Amino acid sequence: NVEIKVQKVAVATALPKGTLKDI
């Protein structure tokens, strides 16, 4: 789903890179 992918990118941008693995 494209919307979910975009949301994950937005979260990854807003939060520290250390949280990327939790997405």
N, C-alpha and C. Protein backbone atom coordinates (compact mmCIF):
# COMPACT_ATOMS: atom_id res chain seq x y z
N ASN A 1 0.85 -1.19 0.00
CA ASN A 1 0.00 0.00 0.00
C ASN A 1 0.89 1.24 0.00
N VAL A 2 0.68 2.11 -0.96
CA VAL A 2 1.52 3.30 -1.09
C VAL A 2 1.34 4.24 0.10
N GLU A 3 0.11 4.37 0.58
CA GLU A 3 -0.16 5.29 1.69
C GLU A 3 0.61 4.87 2.94
N ILE A 4 0.65 3.57 3.19
CA ILE A 4 1.37 3.07 4.36
C ILE A 4 2.86 3.35 4.21
N LYS A 5 3.38 3.17 3.02
CA LYS A 5 4.81 3.41 2.78
C LYS A 5 5.15 4.87 3.01
N VAL A 6 4.30 5.76 2.53
CA VAL A 6 4.53 7.20 2.71
C VAL A 6 4.47 7.55 4.19
N GLN A 7 3.53 6.93 4.91
CA GLN A 7 3.40 7.20 6.34
C GLN A 7 4.65 6.78 7.08
N LYS A 8 5.20 5.62 6.71
CA LYS A 8 6.41 5.14 7.35
C LYS A 8 7.58 6.09 7.10
N VAL A 9 7.65 6.61 5.88
CA VAL A 9 8.72 7.56 5.55
C VAL A 9 8.56 8.83 6.38
N ALA A 10 7.33 9.27 6.55
CA ALA A 10 7.08 10.48 7.32
C ALA A 10 7.48 10.28 8.78
N VAL A 11 7.15 9.11 9.33
CA VAL A 11 7.51 8.80 10.71
C VAL A 11 9.02 8.70 10.84
N ALA A 12 9.67 8.07 9.88
CA ALA A 12 11.12 7.90 9.92
C ALA A 12 11.81 9.26 9.87
N THR A 13 11.21 10.20 9.16
CA THR A 13 11.80 11.53 9.04
C THR A 13 11.61 12.32 10.34
N ALA A 14 10.47 12.11 10.99
CA ALA A 14 10.16 12.87 12.20
C ALA A 14 10.90 12.34 13.42
N LEU A 15 11.21 11.06 13.42
CA LEU A 15 11.85 10.43 14.57
C LEU A 15 13.31 10.13 14.29
N PRO A 16 14.09 9.91 15.35
CA PRO A 16 15.50 9.54 15.17
C PRO A 16 15.64 8.26 14.35
N LYS A 17 16.75 8.13 13.66
CA LYS A 17 16.95 6.97 12.79
C LYS A 17 16.93 5.66 13.59
N GLY A 18 17.20 5.73 14.88
CA GLY A 18 17.22 4.53 15.72
C GLY A 18 15.86 3.86 15.80
N THR A 19 14.80 4.62 15.51
CA THR A 19 13.45 4.07 15.61
C THR A 19 13.00 3.47 14.28
N LEU A 20 13.81 3.64 13.26
CA LEU A 20 13.43 3.16 11.93
C LEU A 20 13.20 1.66 11.93
N LYS A 21 14.00 0.93 12.70
CA LYS A 21 13.89 -0.52 12.75
C LYS A 21 12.60 -0.97 13.42
N ASP A 22 11.95 -0.08 14.17
CA ASP A 22 10.71 -0.43 14.87
C ASP A 22 9.48 -0.23 13.99
N ILE A 23 9.67 0.35 12.83
CA ILE A 23 8.55 0.63 11.93
C ILE A 23 8.19 -0.63 11.13
